[in-house]
N, C-alpha and C. Protein backbone atom coordinates (compact mmCIF):
# COMPACT_ATOMS: atom_id res chain seq x y z
N UNK A 1 -96.23 109.65 -6.64
CA UNK A 1 -95.91 108.64 -5.62
C UNK A 1 -94.85 107.68 -6.17
N UNK A 2 -93.82 107.44 -5.36
CA UNK A 2 -92.75 106.52 -5.74
C UNK A 2 -93.20 105.08 -5.57
N UNK A 3 -92.85 104.21 -6.52
CA UNK A 3 -93.11 102.77 -6.30
C UNK A 3 -92.33 102.29 -5.07
N UNK A 4 -92.88 101.36 -4.32
CA UNK A 4 -92.27 100.89 -3.08
C UNK A 4 -90.84 100.42 -3.28
N UNK A 5 -90.56 99.74 -4.40
CA UNK A 5 -89.21 99.22 -4.61
C UNK A 5 -88.20 100.32 -4.93
N UNK A 6 -88.67 101.53 -5.24
CA UNK A 6 -87.78 102.65 -5.55
C UNK A 6 -87.57 103.57 -4.35
N UNK A 7 -88.17 103.26 -3.22
CA UNK A 7 -88.07 104.13 -2.05
C UNK A 7 -86.87 103.77 -1.19
N UNK A 8 -86.12 104.79 -0.84
CA UNK A 8 -84.97 104.64 0.04
C UNK A 8 -84.95 105.82 1.00
N UNK A 9 -84.27 105.66 2.13
CA UNK A 9 -84.03 106.80 3.01
C UNK A 9 -82.53 107.06 3.03
N UNK A 10 -82.15 108.26 3.46
CA UNK A 10 -80.74 108.62 3.50
C UNK A 10 -80.49 109.63 4.61
N UNK A 11 -79.26 110.09 4.70
CA UNK A 11 -78.88 111.06 5.73
C UNK A 11 -79.81 112.27 5.71
N UNK A 12 -80.24 112.68 6.89
CA UNK A 12 -81.07 113.88 7.01
C UNK A 12 -82.56 113.64 6.86
N UNK A 13 -82.96 112.45 6.43
CA UNK A 13 -84.39 112.16 6.30
C UNK A 13 -85.03 112.09 7.68
N UNK A 14 -86.32 112.34 7.73
CA UNK A 14 -87.05 112.32 8.99
C UNK A 14 -87.33 110.89 9.43
N UNK A 15 -87.66 110.75 10.71
CA UNK A 15 -88.06 109.45 11.24
C UNK A 15 -89.32 108.96 10.51
N UNK A 16 -90.19 109.88 10.15
CA UNK A 16 -91.41 109.52 9.42
C UNK A 16 -91.10 108.89 8.07
N UNK A 17 -90.10 109.42 7.39
CA UNK A 17 -89.69 108.87 6.09
C UNK A 17 -89.14 107.45 6.28
N UNK A 18 -88.32 107.25 7.30
CA UNK A 18 -87.77 105.91 7.56
C UNK A 18 -88.91 104.94 7.86
N UNK A 19 -89.85 105.36 8.68
CA UNK A 19 -91.00 104.52 9.03
C UNK A 19 -91.80 104.16 7.78
N UNK A 20 -92.01 105.14 6.91
CA UNK A 20 -92.78 104.92 5.67
C UNK A 20 -92.08 103.87 4.79
N UNK A 21 -90.77 103.92 4.72
CA UNK A 21 -90.01 103.06 3.81
C UNK A 21 -89.66 101.72 4.45
N UNK A 22 -89.18 101.76 5.68
CA UNK A 22 -88.64 100.57 6.32
C UNK A 22 -89.67 99.83 7.17
N UNK A 23 -90.68 100.56 7.62
CA UNK A 23 -91.71 99.93 8.43
C UNK A 23 -91.42 100.04 9.92
N UNK A 24 -92.14 99.25 10.68
CA UNK A 24 -92.04 99.27 12.14
C UNK A 24 -90.72 98.65 12.58
N UNK A 25 -89.94 99.36 13.40
CA UNK A 25 -88.69 98.77 13.87
C UNK A 25 -88.94 97.59 14.81
N UNK A 26 -87.96 96.69 14.86
CA UNK A 26 -88.02 95.55 15.79
C UNK A 26 -88.08 96.07 17.22
N UNK A 27 -87.26 97.09 17.50
CA UNK A 27 -87.27 97.76 18.80
C UNK A 27 -86.60 99.11 18.65
N UNK A 28 -86.78 99.96 19.64
CA UNK A 28 -86.13 101.27 19.66
C UNK A 28 -85.48 101.46 21.03
N UNK A 29 -84.33 102.09 21.02
CA UNK A 29 -83.63 102.45 22.25
C UNK A 29 -83.09 103.86 22.04
N UNK A 30 -83.69 104.82 22.72
CA UNK A 30 -83.28 106.20 22.55
C UNK A 30 -83.45 106.64 21.10
N UNK A 31 -82.37 107.11 20.50
CA UNK A 31 -82.39 107.59 19.11
C UNK A 31 -81.96 106.52 18.12
N UNK A 32 -82.03 105.26 18.51
CA UNK A 32 -81.66 104.16 17.62
C UNK A 32 -82.88 103.28 17.36
N UNK A 33 -83.17 103.06 16.09
CA UNK A 33 -84.22 102.13 15.69
C UNK A 33 -83.52 100.87 15.19
N UNK A 34 -83.96 99.72 15.67
CA UNK A 34 -83.39 98.44 15.27
C UNK A 34 -84.33 97.73 14.30
N UNK A 35 -83.74 97.19 13.25
CA UNK A 35 -84.43 96.33 12.30
C UNK A 35 -83.62 95.04 12.27
N UNK A 36 -84.05 94.06 13.05
CA UNK A 36 -83.21 92.88 13.25
C UNK A 36 -81.96 93.33 13.99
N UNK A 37 -80.79 93.00 13.45
CA UNK A 37 -79.54 93.44 14.06
C UNK A 37 -79.02 94.72 13.43
N UNK A 38 -79.72 95.24 12.43
CA UNK A 38 -79.34 96.50 11.80
C UNK A 38 -79.88 97.68 12.59
N UNK A 39 -79.25 98.82 12.44
CA UNK A 39 -79.60 100.01 13.22
C UNK A 39 -79.72 101.24 12.34
N UNK A 40 -80.68 102.10 12.69
CA UNK A 40 -80.77 103.43 12.10
C UNK A 40 -80.63 104.41 13.25
N UNK A 41 -79.67 105.32 13.13
CA UNK A 41 -79.38 106.29 14.19
C UNK A 41 -79.95 107.66 13.81
N UNK A 42 -80.60 108.30 14.78
CA UNK A 42 -81.21 109.61 14.57
C UNK A 42 -80.56 110.65 15.48
N UNK A 43 -80.59 111.88 15.02
CA UNK A 43 -80.21 113.03 15.84
C UNK A 43 -81.20 114.13 15.51
N UNK A 44 -81.86 114.66 16.53
CA UNK A 44 -82.88 115.69 16.34
C UNK A 44 -83.96 115.25 15.35
N UNK A 45 -84.33 113.96 15.39
CA UNK A 45 -85.41 113.45 14.56
C UNK A 45 -85.05 113.18 13.12
N UNK A 46 -83.77 113.27 12.78
CA UNK A 46 -83.33 113.03 11.40
C UNK A 46 -82.23 111.97 11.37
N UNK A 47 -82.15 111.25 10.24
CA UNK A 47 -81.17 110.17 10.11
C UNK A 47 -79.75 110.73 10.19
N UNK A 48 -79.00 110.21 11.14
CA UNK A 48 -77.60 110.58 11.32
C UNK A 48 -76.68 109.54 10.67
N UNK A 49 -77.14 108.29 10.63
CA UNK A 49 -76.37 107.20 10.04
C UNK A 49 -77.05 105.88 10.29
N UNK A 50 -76.41 104.80 9.83
CA UNK A 50 -76.97 103.48 10.00
C UNK A 50 -75.88 102.43 9.92
N UNK A 51 -76.23 101.25 10.39
CA UNK A 51 -75.36 100.09 10.35
C UNK A 51 -76.21 98.93 9.85
N UNK A 52 -75.74 98.25 8.82
CA UNK A 52 -76.47 97.11 8.27
C UNK A 52 -75.75 95.83 8.64
N UNK A 53 -76.43 94.98 9.38
CA UNK A 53 -75.89 93.68 9.77
C UNK A 53 -76.05 92.70 8.62
N UNK A 54 -75.09 91.81 8.47
CA UNK A 54 -75.15 90.81 7.41
C UNK A 54 -76.46 90.03 7.51
N UNK A 55 -77.11 89.89 6.39
CA UNK A 55 -78.37 89.15 6.35
C UNK A 55 -79.60 90.02 6.51
N UNK A 56 -79.43 91.24 7.02
CA UNK A 56 -80.55 92.18 7.15
C UNK A 56 -80.58 93.07 5.92
N UNK A 57 -81.70 93.72 5.74
CA UNK A 57 -81.82 94.62 4.60
C UNK A 57 -82.44 95.94 5.05
N UNK A 58 -81.67 96.99 4.88
CA UNK A 58 -82.20 98.33 5.08
C UNK A 58 -82.28 99.00 3.73
N UNK A 59 -83.32 99.75 3.53
CA UNK A 59 -83.47 100.48 2.27
C UNK A 59 -82.86 101.87 2.43
N UNK A 60 -81.55 101.86 2.75
CA UNK A 60 -80.81 103.09 2.96
C UNK A 60 -79.96 103.37 1.73
N UNK A 61 -79.81 104.63 1.41
CA UNK A 61 -79.06 105.03 0.23
C UNK A 61 -78.02 106.05 0.64
N UNK A 62 -76.77 105.75 0.36
CA UNK A 62 -75.68 106.66 0.70
C UNK A 62 -75.42 107.56 -0.50
N UNK A 63 -75.76 108.84 -0.35
CA UNK A 63 -75.52 109.79 -1.43
C UNK A 63 -74.04 109.95 -1.67
N UNK A 64 -73.66 109.97 -2.92
CA UNK A 64 -72.24 110.13 -3.28
C UNK A 64 -71.82 111.59 -3.19
């Protein structure tokens, strides 16, 4: 089991993984989950991308 502070989600992860790491979204609209003003975008149930608004924190990791 990964320590909570070491958990991140990235491209292709499932919605379940995002929920486990990021928690309950502020709201959802279609395939977009909102965390404050930040967004996680899904396609076919997997992370397609995200946008982080200044002041918000998403535990997203962009693979190099």
